[in-house]
């Protein structure tokens, strides 16, 4: 009785691919859960001044990155002659003094980046 060369390997190969796919799905789900946990932790502790020192530096860096995102977005809107209301997020003409949606008195647009 002859066994076809490679038949065992083909089964093993498809089995390995199936296992690798399952492993990738589990790793992706784990990575996503860690990401979600980090977001929850950050949102819960972004204003917590007594946060443990091992987290404080990362939380402060994320706050600076958020600020810089806001500055870049302001710069982009300004090139389009627009700005955003800090209160409700409405997009307005750049030279507006008040939001035409919520009535908020607009502040000067921040254009200075924070060094990280």
Protein backbone atom coordinates (compact mmCIF):
# COMPACT_ATOMS: atom_id res chain seq x y z
CA UNK A 1 0.00 0.00 0.00
CA UNK A 2 1.54 3.24 -1.13
CA UNK A 3 0.94 6.50 0.64
CA UNK A 4 1.02 9.54 -1.57
CA UNK A 5 4.03 11.67 -0.90
CA UNK A 6 3.07 14.90 0.87
CA UNK A 7 -0.43 13.82 1.90
CA UNK A 8 0.45 13.99 5.59
CA UNK A 9 2.15 17.34 5.04
CA UNK A 10 -0.90 18.78 3.25
CA UNK A 11 -3.18 17.88 6.16
CA UNK A 12 -0.70 19.28 8.63
CA UNK A 13 -0.21 22.38 6.55
CA UNK A 14 -3.94 23.17 6.39
CA UNK A 15 -4.22 22.35 10.07
CA UNK A 16 -1.36 24.74 10.86
CA UNK A 17 -2.97 27.47 8.75
CA UNK A 18 -6.26 26.98 10.60
CA UNK A 19 -4.48 27.15 13.96
CA UNK A 20 -2.52 30.25 12.88
CA UNK A 21 -5.77 31.94 11.83
CA UNK A 22 -7.39 31.11 15.18
CA UNK A 23 -4.30 32.34 17.02
CA UNK A 24 -4.30 35.60 15.04
CA UNK A 25 -8.00 36.16 15.85
CA UNK A 26 -7.35 35.59 19.57
CA UNK A 27 -4.29 37.88 19.54
CA UNK A 28 -6.24 40.59 17.66
CA UNK A 29 -9.12 40.33 20.13
CA UNK A 30 -6.68 40.53 23.06
CA UNK A 31 -4.94 43.57 21.54
CA UNK A 32 -8.31 45.25 20.98
CA UNK A 33 -9.39 44.57 24.57
CA UNK A 34 -6.12 46.01 25.91
CA UNK A 35 -6.66 49.08 23.74
CA UNK A 36 -10.22 49.48 25.05
CA UNK A 37 -9.01 49.02 28.64
CA UNK A 38 -6.37 51.70 28.07
CA UNK A 39 -8.98 54.10 26.68
CA UNK A 40 -11.26 53.49 29.67
CA UNK A 41 -8.37 53.97 32.09
CA UNK A 42 -7.30 57.18 30.37
CA UNK A 43 -10.81 58.64 30.29
CA UNK A 44 -11.26 57.77 33.97
CA UNK A 45 -7.92 59.25 35.01
CA UNK A 46 -7.12 62.11 32.64
CA UNK A 47 -7.96 64.72 35.30
CA UNK A 48 -6.74 62.67 38.27
CA UNK A 49 -3.77 64.57 39.68
CA UNK A 50 -3.04 61.87 42.25
CA UNK A 51 -2.69 59.12 39.64
CA UNK A 52 0.07 56.62 40.31
CA UNK A 53 3.40 57.87 39.00
CA UNK A 54 3.84 54.92 36.61
CA UNK A 55 0.77 56.13 34.67
CA UNK A 56 1.11 59.90 35.10
CA UNK A 57 3.74 60.44 32.40
CA UNK A 58 1.74 58.50 29.80
CA UNK A 59 -1.53 60.26 30.70
CA UNK A 60 0.21 63.65 30.47
CA UNK A 61 1.73 62.74 27.10
CA UNK A 62 -1.67 61.66 25.74
CA UNK A 63 -3.18 64.97 26.92
CA UNK A 64 -0.44 66.84 25.05
CA UNK A 65 -1.05 64.75 21.93
CA UNK A 66 -4.79 65.51 22.14
CA UNK A 67 -3.97 69.20 22.41
CA UNK A 68 -1.64 69.05 19.40
CA UNK A 69 -4.36 67.26 17.39
CA UNK A 70 -6.67 70.15 18.22
CA UNK A 71 -4.03 72.68 17.09
CA UNK A 72 -3.47 70.84 13.79
CA UNK A 73 -7.21 70.64 13.22
CA UNK A 74 -7.49 74.39 13.93
CA UNK A 75 -4.71 75.06 11.42
CA UNK A 76 -6.46 72.94 8.79
CA UNK A 77 -9.79 74.68 9.36
CA UNK A 78 -8.09 78.10 9.24
CA UNK A 79 -6.70 77.33 5.77
CA UNK A 80 -10.34 76.78 4.74
CA UNK A 81 -11.46 80.04 6.40
CA UNK A 82 -13.19 78.13 9.19
CA UNK A 83 -12.98 77.43 12.90
CA UNK A 84 -14.71 75.15 15.37
CA UNK A 85 -16.82 76.12 18.37
CA UNK A 86 -15.07 74.83 21.52
CA UNK A 87 -18.44 74.32 23.18
CA UNK A 88 -20.55 72.39 20.64
CA UNK A 89 -18.16 71.49 17.80
CA UNK A 90 -20.05 73.50 15.17
CA UNK A 91 -17.96 74.67 12.20
CA UNK A 92 -18.10 78.44 11.64
CA UNK A 93 -16.45 81.16 9.55
CA UNK A 94 -13.00 81.90 11.01
CA UNK A 95 -13.77 85.50 11.96
CA UNK A 96 -16.87 84.58 14.02
CA UNK A 97 -17.09 85.93 17.57
CA UNK A 98 -20.03 83.79 18.68
CA UNK A 99 -21.27 80.35 17.68
CA UNK A 100 -24.40 80.61 15.56
CA UNK A 101 -25.58 77.24 16.91
CA UNK A 102 -25.11 77.45 20.70
CA UNK A 103 -24.29 81.15 21.24
CA UNK A 104 -20.92 80.43 22.92
CA UNK A 105 -18.47 83.38 22.93
CA UNK A 106 -15.52 82.08 20.95
CA UNK A 107 -11.98 82.33 22.28
CA UNK A 108 -8.82 82.97 20.25
CA UNK A 109 -7.86 79.92 18.20
CA UNK A 110 -4.86 78.09 19.61
CA UNK A 111 -2.05 77.60 17.10
CA UNK A 112 0.93 76.79 19.31
CA UNK A 113 1.97 73.15 19.54
CA UNK A 114 3.06 71.63 22.84
CA UNK A 115 6.49 69.99 22.93
CA UNK A 116 6.28 66.35 23.90
